[in-house]
Amino acid sequence: MMKKILLTTTLTVFALTAQADFLGSDHNWNNGSSDPYKTAITAAETDYAAALAASMAWRDTGKMIKEAKKLHKAGKVDVATALAKKAHNQAVNALAQAAVAGSAGPRF
């Protein structure tokens, strides 16, 4: 029963995240601003937290988020935004992996 709830929750988060990628680049559905860095870092942190909750977070995603924040503070906004987007993609892929991992196993 618990696996079904976890799988349903993970798939819901993944579906909402996938739909958010179809919005225009100037639309931010998380924090109400049109700053691409804020949009990317918020999405990365949210999905990374969901991947951690599913025990399926990838090794470097947290490091990438920290590095993106450090680069942003140093004034390298374009590089920080690109890294935050990369971290977000990793978190989304980790959630997709978690969704299929629940049904993994031999089929007899």
PDB file of N, CA and C in Angstrom:
ATOM      1  N   MET A   1       0.825  -1.185   0.000  1.00  0.00           N
ATOM      2  CA  MET A   1       0.000   0.000   0.000  1.00  0.00           C
ATOM      3  C   MET A   1       0.871   1.251   0.000  1.00  0.00           C
ATOM      4  N   MET A   2       1.919   1.245   0.816  1.00  0.00           N
ATOM      5  CA  MET A   2       2.802   2.403   0.912  1.00  0.00           C
ATOM      6  C   MET A   2       3.524   2.655  -0.408  1.00  0.00           C
ATOM      7  N   LYS A   3       3.904   1.568  -1.100  1.00  0.00           N
ATOM      8  CA  LYS A   3       4.580   1.722  -2.392  1.00  0.00           C
ATOM      9  C   LYS A   3       3.655   2.372  -3.413  1.00  0.00           C
ATOM     10  N   LYS A   4       2.377   2.028  -3.366  1.00  0.00           N
ATOM     11  CA  LYS A   4       1.416   2.613  -4.297  1.00  0.00           C
ATOM     12  C   LYS A   4       1.248   4.111  -4.034  1.00  0.00           C
ATOM     13  N   ILE A   5       1.212   4.490  -2.761  1.00  0.00           N
ATOM     14  CA  ILE A   5       1.081   5.908  -2.411  1.00  0.00           C
ATOM     15  C   ILE A   5       2.318   6.674  -2.847  1.00  0.00           C
ATOM     16  N   LEU A   6       3.484   6.125  -2.589  1.00  0.00           N
ATOM     17  CA  LEU A   6       4.736   6.768  -2.989  1.00  0.00           C
ATOM     18  C   LEU A   6       4.821   6.886  -4.503  1.00  0.00           C
ATOM     19  N   LEU A   7       4.449   5.834  -5.200  1.00  0.00           N
ATOM     20  CA  LEU A   7       4.477   5.850  -6.662  1.00  0.00           C
ATOM     21  C   LEU A   7       3.499   6.885  -7.211  1.00  0.00           C
ATOM     22  N   THR A   8       2.310   6.951  -6.665  1.00  0.00           N
ATOM     23  CA  THR A   8       1.310   7.921  -7.113  1.00  0.00           C
ATOM     24  C   THR A   8       1.780   9.341  -6.856  1.00  0.00           C
ATOM     25  N   THR A   9       2.336   9.589  -5.692  1.00  0.00           N
ATOM     26  CA  THR A   9       2.852  10.920  -5.363  1.00  0.00           C
ATOM     27  C   THR A   9       3.994  11.300  -6.293  1.00  0.00           C
ATOM     28  N   THR A  10       4.899  10.395  -6.523  1.00  0.00           N
ATOM     29  CA  THR A  10       6.040  10.664  -7.396  1.00  0.00           C
ATOM     30  C   THR A  10       5.585  10.952  -8.812  1.00  0.00           C
ATOM     31  N   LEU A  11       4.661  10.159  -9.311  1.00  0.00           N
ATOM     32  CA  LEU A  11       4.161  10.381 -10.666  1.00  0.00           C
ATOM     33  C   LEU A  11       3.424  11.709 -10.787  1.00  0.00           C
ATOM     34  N   THR A  12       2.711  12.094  -9.745  1.00  0.00           N
ATOM     35  CA  THR A  12       2.018  13.383  -9.759  1.00  0.00           C
ATOM     36  C   THR A  12       3.011  14.529  -9.806  1.00  0.00           C
ATOM     37  N   VAL A  13       4.038  14.462  -8.979  1.00  0.00           N
ATOM     38  CA  VAL A  13       5.071  15.509  -8.982  1.00  0.00           C
ATOM     39  C   VAL A  13       5.765  15.553 -10.332  1.00  0.00           C
ATOM     40  N   PHE A  14       6.073  14.402 -10.870  1.00  0.00           N
ATOM     41  CA  PHE A  14       6.730  14.357 -12.178  1.00  0.00           C
ATOM     42  C   PHE A  14       5.836  14.944 -13.264  1.00  0.00           C
ATOM     43  N   ALA A  15       4.562  14.615 -13.242  1.00  0.00           N
ATOM     44  CA  ALA A  15       3.637  15.131 -14.258  1.00  0.00           C
ATOM     45  C   ALA A  15       3.519  16.648 -14.173  1.00  0.00           C
ATOM     46  N   LEU A  16       3.425  17.168 -12.959  1.00  0.00           N
ATOM     47  CA  LEU A  16       3.340  18.621 -12.801  1.00  0.00           C
ATOM     48  C   LEU A  16       4.625  19.302 -13.248  1.00  0.00           C
ATOM     49  N   THR A  17       5.741  18.694 -12.970  1.00  0.00           N
ATOM     50  CA  THR A  17       7.018  19.255 -13.382  1.00  0.00           C
ATOM     51  C   THR A  17       7.154  19.226 -14.899  1.00  0.00           C
ATOM     52  N   ALA A  18       6.756  18.136 -15.505  1.00  0.00           N
ATOM     53  CA  ALA A  18       6.845  18.026 -16.963  1.00  0.00           C
ATOM     54  C   ALA A  18       5.952  19.053 -17.641  1.00  0.00           C
ATOM     55  N   GLN A  19       4.772  19.298 -17.083  1.00  0.00           N
ATOM     56  CA  GLN A  19       3.879  20.298 -17.654  1.00  0.00           C
ATOM     57  C   GLN A  19       4.445  21.690 -17.506  1.00  0.00           C
ATOM     58  N   ALA A  20       5.152  21.945 -16.438  1.00  0.00           N
ATOM     59  CA  ALA A  20       5.713  23.276 -16.207  1.00  0.00           C
ATOM     60  C   ALA A  20       6.762  23.622 -17.252  1.00  0.00           C
ATOM     61  N   ASP A  21       7.408  22.619 -17.839  1.00  0.00           N
ATOM     62  CA  ASP A  21       8.413  22.878 -18.862  1.00  0.00           C
ATOM     63  C   ASP A  21       7.814  23.439 -20.143  1.00  0.00           C
ATOM     64  N   PHE A  22       6.514  23.329 -20.329  1.00  0.00           N
ATOM     65  CA  PHE A  22       5.871  23.821 -21.536  1.00  0.00           C
ATOM     66  C   PHE A  22       5.517  25.298 -21.462  1.00  0.00           C
ATOM     67  N   LEU A  23       5.668  25.905 -20.293  1.00  0.00           N
ATOM     68  CA  LEU A  23       5.362  27.320 -20.159  1.00  0.00           C
ATOM     69  C   LEU A  23       6.467  28.150 -20.781  1.00  0.00           C
ATOM     70  N   GLY A  24       6.142  29.376 -21.145  1.00  0.00           N
ATOM     71  CA  GLY A  24       7.126  30.271 -21.737  1.00  0.00           C
ATOM     72  C   GLY A  24       8.261  30.568 -20.784  1.00  0.00           C
ATOM     73  N   SER A  25       9.385  30.982 -21.320  1.00  0.00           N
ATOM     74  CA  SER A  25      10.561  31.227 -20.481  1.00  0.00           C
ATOM     75  C   SER A  25      10.374  32.427 -19.562  1.00  0.00           C
ATOM     76  N   ASP A  26       9.448  33.339 -19.887  1.00  0.00           N
ATOM     77  CA  ASP A  26       9.248  34.501 -19.039  1.00  0.00           C
ATOM     78  C   ASP A  26       8.221  34.256 -17.937  1.00  0.00           C
ATOM     79  N   HIS A  27       7.598  33.079 -17.923  1.00  0.00           N
ATOM     80  CA  HIS A  27       6.589  32.772 -16.915  1.00  0.00           C
ATOM     81  C   HIS A  27       7.213  31.947 -15.806  1.00  0.00           C
ATOM     82  N   ASN A  28       7.023  32.392 -14.580  1.00  0.00           N
ATOM     83  CA  ASN A  28       7.520  31.654 -13.438  1.00  0.00           C
ATOM     84  C   ASN A  28       6.349  31.252 -12.581  1.00  0.00           C
ATOM     85  N   TRP A  29       6.095  29.963 -12.493  1.00  0.00           N
ATOM     86  CA  TRP A  29       4.962  29.438 -11.758  1.00  0.00           C
ATOM     87  C   TRP A  29       5.288  29.185 -10.298  1.00  0.00           C
ATOM     88  N   ASN A  30       6.535  29.391  -9.875  1.00  0.00           N
ATOM     89  CA  ASN A  30       6.897  29.117  -8.487  1.00  0.00           C
ATOM     90  C   ASN A  30       6.932  30.344  -7.595  1.00  0.00           C
ATOM     91  N   ASN A  31       7.567  31.409  -8.049  1.00  0.00           N
ATOM     92  CA  ASN A  31       7.772  32.524  -7.136  1.00  0.00           C
ATOM     93  C   ASN A  31       7.259  33.861  -7.655  1.00  0.00           C
ATOM     94  N   GLY A  32       6.512  33.862  -8.731  1.00  0.00           N
ATOM     95  CA  GLY A  32       5.870  35.071  -9.201  1.00  0.00           C
ATOM     96  C   GLY A  32       6.781  36.079  -9.872  1.00  0.00           C
ATOM     97  N   SER A  33       8.006  35.736 -10.190  1.00  0.00           N
ATOM     98  CA  SER A  33       8.881  36.672 -10.879  1.00  0.00           C
ATOM     99  C   SER A  33       9.289  36.090 -12.219  1.00  0.00           C
ATOM    100  N   SER A  34       9.868  36.928 -13.055  1.00  0.00           N
ATOM    101  CA  SER A  34      10.291  36.451 -14.373  1.00  0.00           C
ATOM    102  C   SER A  34      11.805  36.269 -14.450  1.00  0.00           C
ATOM    103  N   ASP A  35      12.479  36.231 -13.318  1.00  0.00           N
ATOM    104  CA  ASP A  35      13.924  36.031 -13.270  1.00  0.00           C
ATOM    105  C   ASP A  35      14.233  34.562 -13.577  1.00  0.00           C
ATOM    106  N   PRO A  36      14.942  34.282 -14.680  1.00  0.00           N
ATOM    107  CA  PRO A  36      15.215  32.885 -15.050  1.00  0.00           C
ATOM    108  C   PRO A  36      16.016  32.120 -13.995  1.00  0.00           C
ATOM    109  N   TYR A  37      16.934  32.800 -13.312  1.00  0.00           N
ATOM    110  CA  TYR A  37      17.726  32.115 -12.281  1.00  0.00           C
ATOM    111  C   TYR A  37      16.821  31.665 -11.136  1.00  0.00           C
ATOM    112  N   LYS A  38      15.981  32.572 -10.653  1.00  0.00           N
ATOM    113  CA  LYS A  38      15.098  32.225  -9.537  1.00  0.00           C
ATOM    114  C   LYS A  38      14.164  31.082  -9.912  1.00  0.00           C
ATOM    115  N   THR A  39      13.658  31.126 -11.119  1.00  0.00           N
ATOM    116  CA  THR A  39      12.777  30.062 -11.592  1.00  0.00           C
ATOM    117  C   THR A  39      13.510  28.722 -11.600  1.00  0.00           C
ATOM    118  N   ALA A  40      14.701  28.711 -12.172  1.00  0.00           N
ATOM    119  CA  ALA A  40      15.463  27.464 -12.304  1.00  0.00           C
ATOM    120  C   ALA A  40      15.899  26.924 -10.948  1.00  0.00           C
ATOM    121  N   ILE A  41      16.396  27.780 -10.070  1.00  0.00           N
ATOM    122  CA  ILE A  41      16.913  27.302  -8.780  1.00  0.00           C
ATOM    123  C   ILE A  41      15.768  26.817  -7.891  1.00  0.00           C
ATOM    124  N   THR A  42      14.618  27.508  -7.950  1.00  0.00           N
ATOM    125  CA  THR A  42      13.466  27.079  -7.155  1.00  0.00           C
ATOM    126  C   THR A  42      12.951  25.731  -7.639  1.00  0.00           C
ATOM    127  N   ALA A  43      12.858  25.575  -8.948  1.00  0.00           N
ATOM    128  CA  ALA A  43      12.400  24.304  -9.504  1.00  0.00           C
ATOM    129  C   ALA A  43      13.383  23.186  -9.160  1.00  0.00           C
ATOM    130  N   ALA A  44      14.681  23.468  -9.255  1.00  0.00           N
ATOM    131  CA  ALA A  44      15.695  22.458  -8.937  1.00  0.00           C
ATOM    132  C   ALA A  44      15.607  22.037  -7.471  1.00  0.00           C
ATOM    133  N   GLU A  45      15.475  23.011  -6.578  1.00  0.00           N
ATOM    134  CA  GLU A  45      15.399  22.689  -5.150  1.00  0.00           C
ATOM    135  C   GLU A  45      14.133  21.900  -4.818  1.00  0.00           C
ATOM    136  N   THR A  46      13.021  22.274  -5.418  1.00  0.00           N
ATOM    137  CA  THR A  46      11.750  21.591  -5.152  1.00  0.00           C
ATOM    138  C   THR A  46      11.802  20.138  -5.619  1.00  0.00           C
ATOM    139  N   ASP A  47      12.257  19.937  -6.845  1.00  0.00           N
ATOM    140  CA  ASP A  47      12.306  18.578  -7.371  1.00  0.00           C
ATOM    141  C   ASP A  47      13.399  17.741  -6.697  1.00  0.00           C
ATOM    142  N   TYR A  48      14.488  18.381  -6.300  1.00  0.00           N
ATOM    143  CA  TYR A  48      15.542  17.662  -5.585  1.00  0.00           C
ATOM    144  C   TYR A  48      15.013  17.184  -4.226  1.00  0.00           C
ATOM    145  N   ALA A  49      14.234  18.027  -3.551  1.00  0.00           N
ATOM    146  CA  ALA A  49      13.648  17.622  -2.273  1.00  0.00           C
ATOM    147  C   ALA A  49      12.701  16.438  -2.470  1.00  0.00           C
ATOM    148  N   ALA A  50      11.933  16.463  -3.556  1.00  0.00           N
ATOM    149  CA  ALA A  50      11.033  15.339  -3.838  1.00  0.00           C
ATOM    150  C   ALA A  50      11.830  14.068  -4.140  1.00  0.00           C
ATOM    151  N   ALA A  51      12.942  14.203  -4.856  1.00  0.00           N
ATOM    152  CA  ALA A  51      13.787  13.045  -5.155  1.00  0.00           C
ATOM    153  C   ALA A  51      14.428  12.500  -3.883  1.00  0.00           C
ATOM    154  N   LEU A  52      14.828  13.390  -2.975  1.00  0.00           N
ATOM    155  CA  LEU A  52      15.371  12.943  -1.688  1.00  0.00           C
ATOM    156  C   LEU A  52      14.309  12.186  -0.892  1.00  0.00           C
ATOM    157  N   ALA A  53      13.084  12.691  -0.918  1.00  0.00           N
ATOM    158  CA  ALA A  53      11.994  12.034  -0.192  1.00  0.00           C
ATOM    159  C   ALA A  53      11.704  10.648  -0.759  1.00  0.00           C
ATOM    160  N   ALA A  54      11.919  10.488  -2.045  1.00  0.00           N
ATOM    161  CA  ALA A  54      11.702   9.187  -2.680  1.00  0.00           C
ATOM    162  C   ALA A  54      12.938   8.295  -2.586  1.00  0.00           C
ATOM    163  N   SER A  55      13.985   8.770  -1.917  1.00  0.00           N
ATOM    164  CA  SER A  55      15.258   8.051  -1.777  1.00  0.00           C
ATOM    165  C   SER A  55      15.862   7.698  -3.129  1.00  0.00           C
ATOM    166  N   MET A  56      15.755   8.623  -4.081  1.00  0.00           N
ATOM    167  CA  MET A  56      16.259   8.362  -5.418  1.00  0.00           C
ATOM    168  C   MET A  56      17.013   9.573  -5.983  1.00  0.00           C
ATOM    169  N   ALA A  57      17.515  10.432  -5.100  1.00  0.00           N
ATOM    170  CA  ALA A  57      18.238  11.618  -5.568  1.00  0.00           C
ATOM    171  C   ALA A  57      19.581  11.210  -6.156  1.00  0.00           C
ATOM    172  N   TRP A  58      19.982  11.897  -7.194  1.00  0.00           N
ATOM    173  CA  TRP A  58      21.250  11.611  -7.838  1.00  0.00           C
ATOM    174  C   TRP A  58      22.391  12.272  -7.068  1.00  0.00           C
ATOM    175  N   ARG A  59      23.567  11.735  -7.208  1.00  0.00           N
ATOM    176  CA  ARG A  59      24.730  12.115  -6.424  1.00  0.00           C
ATOM    177  C   ARG A  59      25.105  13.593  -6.544  1.00  0.00           C
ATOM    178  N   ASP A  60      25.143  14.141  -7.737  1.00  0.00           N
ATOM    179  CA  ASP A  60      25.695  15.475  -7.937  1.00  0.00           C
ATOM    180  C   ASP A  60      24.666  16.604  -7.940  1.00  0.00           C
ATOM    181  N   THR A  61      23.401  16.304  -7.858  1.00  0.00           N
ATOM    182  CA  THR A  61      22.379  17.344  -7.979  1.00  0.00           C
ATOM    183  C   THR A  61      22.498  18.377  -6.864  1.00  0.00           C
ATOM    184  N   GLY A  62      22.664  17.931  -5.638  1.00  0.00           N
ATOM    185  CA  GLY A  62      22.808  18.859  -4.507  1.00  0.00           C
ATOM    186  C   GLY A  62      24.041  19.736  -4.645  1.00  0.00           C
ATOM    187  N   LYS A  63      25.133  19.138  -5.124  1.00  0.00           N
ATOM    188  CA  LYS A  63      26.361  19.902  -5.338  1.00  0.00           C
ATOM    189  C   LYS A  63      26.164  20.958  -6.421  1.00  0.00           C
ATOM    190  N   MET A  64      25.410  20.599  -7.460  1.00  0.00           N
ATOM    191  CA  MET A  64      25.156  21.539  -8.550  1.00  0.00           C
ATOM    192  C   MET A  64      24.315  22.723  -8.071  1.00  0.00           C
ATOM    193  N   ILE A  65      23.355  22.465  -7.212  1.00  0.00           N
ATOM    194  CA  ILE A  65      22.519  23.544  -6.671  1.00  0.00           C
ATOM    195  C   ILE A  65      23.371  24.486  -5.825  1.00  0.00           C
ATOM    196  N   LYS A  66      24.221  23.922  -4.965  1.00  0.00           N
ATOM    197  CA  LYS A  66      25.112  24.757  -4.146  1.00  0.00           C
ATOM    198  C   LYS A  66      26.044  25.595  -5.011  1.00  0.00           C
ATOM    199  N   GLU A  67      26.600  24.993  -6.039  1.00  0.00           N
ATOM    200  CA  GLU A  67      27.516  25.699  -6.931  1.00  0.00           C
ATOM    201  C   GLU A  67      26.790  26.808  -7.694  1.00  0.00           C
ATOM    202  N   ALA A  68      25.559  26.546  -8.113  1.00  0.00           N
ATOM    203  CA  ALA A  68      24.780  27.572  -8.823  1.00  0.00           C
ATOM    204  C   ALA A  68      24.522  28.773  -7.918  1.00  0.00           C
ATOM    205  N   LYS A  69      24.214  28.515  -6.654  1.00  0.00           N
ATOM    206  CA  LYS A  69      24.001  29.620  -5.705  1.00  0.00           C
ATOM    207  C   LYS A  69      25.282  30.415  -5.500  1.00  0.00           C
ATOM    208  N   LYS A  70      26.398  29.704  -5.407  1.00  0.00           N
ATOM    209  CA  LYS A  70      27.696  30.356  -5.224  1.00  0.00           C
ATOM    210  C   LYS A  70      28.045  31.223  -6.436  1.00  0.00           C
ATOM    211  N   LEU A  71      27.810  30.708  -7.627  1.00  0.00           N
ATOM    212  CA  LEU A  71      28.076  31.459  -8.853  1.00  0.00           C
ATOM    213  C   LEU A  71      27.171  32.686  -8.964  1.00  0.00           C
ATOM    214  N   HIS A  72      25.934  32.538  -8.547  1.00  0.00           N
ATOM    215  CA  HIS A  72      24.993  33.665  -8.600  1.00  0.00           C
ATOM    216  C   HIS A  72      25.449  34.782  -7.671  1.00  0.00           C
ATOM    217  N   LYS A  73      25.910  34.413  -6.476  1.00  0.00           N
ATOM    218  CA  LYS A  73      26.414  35.423  -5.541  1.00  0.00           C
ATOM    219  C   LYS A  73      27.656  36.114  -6.084  1.00  0.00           C
ATOM    220  N   ALA A  74      28.435  35.392  -6.888  1.00  0.00           N
ATOM    221  CA  ALA A  74      29.649  35.961  -7.470  1.00  0.00           C
ATOM    222  C   ALA A  74      29.347  36.820  -8.693  1.00  0.00           C
ATOM    223  N   GLY A  75      28.071  36.901  -9.084  1.00  0.00           N
ATOM    224  CA  GLY A  75      27.698  37.745 -10.208  1.00  0.00           C
ATOM    225  C   GLY A  75      27.700  37.055 -11.560  1.00  0.00           C
ATOM    226  N   LYS A  76      27.931  35.763 -11.580  1.00  0.00           N
ATOM    227  CA  LYS A  76      27.937  35.002 -12.839  1.00  0.00           C
ATOM    228  C   LYS A  76      26.547  34.401 -13.063  1.00  0.00           C
ATOM    229  N   VAL A  77      25.596  35.286 -13.380  1.00  0.00           N
ATOM    230  CA  VAL A  77      24.188  34.904 -13.437  1.00  0.00           C
ATOM    231  C   VAL A  77      23.902  33.909 -14.564  1.00  0.00           C
ATOM    232  N   ASP A  78      24.480  34.129 -15.733  1.00  0.00           N
ATOM    233  CA  ASP A  78      24.209  33.231 -16.867  1.00  0.00           C
ATOM    234  C   ASP A  78      24.702  31.814 -16.596  1.00  0.00           C
ATOM    235  N   VAL A  79      25.897  31.698 -16.047  1.00  0.00           N
ATOM    236  CA  VAL A  79      26.463  30.378 -15.735  1.00  0.00           C
ATOM    237  C   VAL A  79      25.656  29.724 -14.610  1.00  0.00           C
ATOM    238  N   ALA A  80      25.255  30.513 -13.618  1.00  0.00           N
ATOM    239  CA  ALA A  80      24.468  29.994 -12.495  1.00  0.00           C
ATOM    240  C   ALA A  80      23.108  29.495 -12.975  1.00  0.00           C
ATOM    241  N   THR A  81      22.490  30.235 -13.895  1.00  0.00           N
ATOM    242  CA  THR A  81      21.194  29.833 -14.430  1.00  0.00           C
ATOM    243  C   THR A  81      21.309  28.523 -15.205  1.00  0.00           C
ATOM    244  N   ALA A  82      22.334  28.411 -16.020  1.00  0.00           N
ATOM    245  CA  ALA A  82      22.540  27.183 -16.796  1.00  0.00           C
ATOM    246  C   ALA A  82      22.759  25.984 -15.865  1.00  0.00           C
ATOM    247  N   LEU A  83      23.533  26.178 -14.812  1.00  0.00           N
ATOM    248  CA  LEU A  83      23.804  25.089 -13.876  1.00  0.00           C
ATOM    249  C   LEU A  83      22.539  24.723 -13.092  1.00  0.00           C
ATOM    250  N   ALA A  84      21.753  25.720 -12.729  1.00  0.00           N
ATOM    251  CA  ALA A  84      20.501  25.445 -12.018  1.00  0.00           C
ATOM    252  C   ALA A  84      19.537  24.665 -12.906  1.00  0.00           C
ATOM    253  N   LYS A  85      19.490  25.001 -14.188  1.00  0.00           N
ATOM    254  CA  LYS A  85      18.630  24.264 -15.123  1.00  0.00           C
ATOM    255  C   LYS A  85      19.104  22.822 -15.274  1.00  0.00           C
ATOM    256  N   LYS A  86      20.422  22.636 -15.281  1.00  0.00           N
ATOM    257  CA  LYS A  86      20.991  21.292 -15.381  1.00  0.00           C
ATOM    258  C   LYS A  86      20.635  20.472 -14.128  1.00  0.00           C
ATOM    259  N   ALA A  87      20.710  21.117 -12.962  1.00  0.00           N
ATOM    260  CA  ALA A  87      20.353  20.445 -11.713  1.00  0.00           C
ATOM    261  C   ALA A  87      18.868  20.090 -11.704  1.00  0.00           C
ATOM    262  N   HIS A  88      18.045  20.988 -12.232  1.00  0.00           N
ATOM    263  CA  HIS A  88      16.613  20.708 -12.314  1.00  0.00           C
ATOM    264  C   HIS A  88      16.347  19.501 -13.215  1.00  0.00           C
ATOM    265  N   ASN A  89      17.016  19.430 -14.342  1.00  0.00           N
ATOM    266  CA  ASN A  89      16.850  18.285 -15.242  1.00  0.00           C
ATOM    267  C   ASN A  89      17.262  16.985 -14.561  1.00  0.00           C
ATOM    268  N   GLN A  90      18.337  17.033 -13.787  1.00  0.00           N
ATOM    269  CA  GLN A  90      18.759  15.829 -13.058  1.00  0.00           C
ATOM    270  C   GLN A  90      17.705  15.420 -12.038  1.00  0.00           C
ATOM    271  N   ALA A  91      17.131  16.396 -11.342  1.00  0.00           N
ATOM    272  CA  ALA A  91      16.113  16.084 -10.337  1.00  0.00           C
ATOM    273  C   ALA A  91      14.869  15.485 -10.991  1.00  0.00           C
ATOM    274  N   VAL A  92      14.473  16.022 -12.139  1.00  0.00           N
ATOM    275  CA  VAL A  92      13.316  15.485 -12.869  1.00  0.00           C
ATOM    276  C   VAL A  92      13.605  14.054 -13.319  1.00  0.00           C
ATOM    277  N   ASN A  93      14.804  13.809 -13.818  1.00  0.00           N
ATOM    278  CA  ASN A  93      15.168  12.457 -14.247  1.00  0.00           C
ATOM    279  C   ASN A  93      15.223  11.496 -13.066  1.00  0.00           C
ATOM    280  N   ALA A  94      15.655  11.977 -11.907  1.00  0.00           N
ATOM    281  CA  ALA A  94      15.684  11.138 -10.709  1.00  0.00           C
ATOM    282  C   ALA A  94      14.260  10.757 -10.298  1.00  0.00           C
ATOM    283  N   LEU A  95      13.324  11.703 -10.419  1.00  0.00           N
ATOM    284  CA  LEU A  95      11.932  11.392 -10.094  1.00  0.00           C
ATOM    285  C   LEU A  95      11.346  10.391 -11.085  1.00  0.00           C
ATOM    286  N   ALA A  96      11.712  10.510 -12.336  1.00  0.00           N
ATOM    287  CA  ALA A  96      11.254   9.542 -13.332  1.00  0.00           C
ATOM    288  C   ALA A  96      11.825   8.161 -13.030  1.00  0.00           C
ATOM    289  N   GLN A  97      13.073   8.132 -12.608  1.00  0.00           N
ATOM    290  CA  GLN A  97      13.706   6.867 -12.237  1.00  0.00           C
ATOM    291  C   GLN A  97      13.001   6.264 -11.028  1.00  0.00           C
ATOM    292  N   ALA A  98      12.636   7.100 -10.067  1.00  0.00           N
ATOM    293  CA  ALA A  98      11.935   6.605  -8.882  1.00  0.00           C
ATOM    294  C   ALA A  98      10.577   6.020  -9.261  1.00  0.00           C
ATOM    295  N   ALA A  99       9.937   6.632 -10.242  1.00  0.00           N
ATOM    296  CA  ALA A  99       8.618   6.155 -10.660  1.00  0.00           C
ATOM    297  C   ALA A  99       8.682   4.750 -11.247  1.00  0.00           C
ATOM    298  N   VAL A 100       9.706   4.459 -12.029  1.00  0.00           N
ATOM    299  CA  VAL A 100       9.808   3.130 -12.631  1.00  0.00           C
ATOM    300  C   VAL A 100      10.484   2.127 -11.710  1.00  0.00           C
ATOM    301  N   ALA A 101      11.220   2.597 -10.729  1.00  0.00           N
ATOM    302  CA  ALA A 101      11.911   1.687  -9.825  1.00  0.00           C
ATOM    303  C   ALA A 101      10.934   0.917  -8.943  1.00  0.00           C
ATOM    304  N   GLY A 102       9.775   1.514  -8.690  1.00  0.00           N
ATOM    305  CA  GLY A 102       8.777   0.841  -7.859  1.00  0.00           C
ATOM    306  C   GLY A 102       8.224  -0.408  -8.493  1.00  0.00           C
ATOM    307  N   SER A 103       8.261  -0.496  -9.812  1.00  0.00           N
ATOM    308  CA  SER A 103       7.724  -1.674 -10.485  1.00  0.00           C
ATOM    309  C   SER A 103       8.825  -2.561 -11.056  1.00  0.00           C
ATOM    310  N   ALA A 104      10.068  -2.292 -10.692  1.00  0.00           N
ATOM    311  CA  ALA A 104      11.185  -3.085 -11.195  1.00  0.00           C
ATOM    312  C   ALA A 104      11.201  -4.461 -10.527  1.00  0.00           C
ATOM    313  N   GLY A 105      11.683  -5.420 -11.242  1.00  0.00           N
ATOM    314  CA  GLY A 105      11.799  -6.755 -10.681  1.00  0.00           C
ATOM    315  C   GLY A 105      11.494  -7.807 -11.737  1.00  0.00           C
ATOM    316  N   PRO A 106      11.708  -9.041 -11.400  1.00  0.00           N
ATOM    317  CA  PRO A 106      11.450 -10.105 -12.372  1.00  0.00           C
ATOM    318  C   PRO A 106       9.959 -10.293 -12.608  1.00  0.00           C
ATOM    319  N   ARG A 107       9.639 -10.675 -13.809  1.00  0.00           N
ATOM    320  CA  ARG A 107       8.231 -10.948 -14.163  1.00  0.00           C
ATOM    321  C   ARG A 107       8.135 -12.425 -14.556  1.00  0.00           C
ATOM    322  N   PHE A 108       7.363 -13.156 -13.817  1.00  0.00           N
ATOM    323  CA  PHE A 108       7.220 -14.585 -14.065  1.00  0.00           C
ATOM    324  C   PHE A 108       5.894 -14.880 -14.693  1.00  0.00           C
TER     325      PHE A 108
END
